[in-house]
Amino acid sequence: MAKKFYSVLDLRPDFSAGTWTTSIASNIPTSVKVAADETPVVSFPIPRYLFGSGAGEPKVVSAACQYTVATAALDAAPSMVFNTITLTESTGALARAAAADTTTISGTDTTGTAAGTFLVKGALDQPLTLSDTEFLTCAFTYDCAATTVLTIRGLWIETA
């Protein structure tokens, strides 16, 4: 197994809600969400080269997002899901299907809601092999309180 860290600058995640600022402080890239009562989804694209189709080629087995909660606790524990996105060549339509995974939280506490630094990790039940018309994302949902400041640093991706 191999594990590699990708910063928010490497993967350029999509943020569904909130006001986010991505910057580099003390040589560490971060994305910080301004305090507001909302539920943002942070969706990371998984690099395509991590899905070899042949025997012995790497396959993604898990992904973990490092995050820090400051000022106020989250309203609920974060969740994570892998999404397989398929492009239909004839129509150009995109379809999403959730891949089976198990989510765990580690860090300051096991719920991941208190002020502190955490990893929320999703492990695929089965490693995926993607076709030429598919790609994978992993989406993390955070339920922020009105004064929660949320910082995302990036994603640990584990392959086997």
Foldseek 3Di string as FASTA:
>chain_A
DDKDWDWCVRFVWDKDDADWDWDADPNATKIKGAFAQDKIKTKTWDDPQQADPDPPGKFWFKKKWKKFKPDFWFPFAKDKWKWKWFQDVVPRDIDIDTADWDWWKDWPDGGRTGGGMIIIMIGGPDTDHDDPGITMMMMMITRGDRHIMMMTTTMMIDID
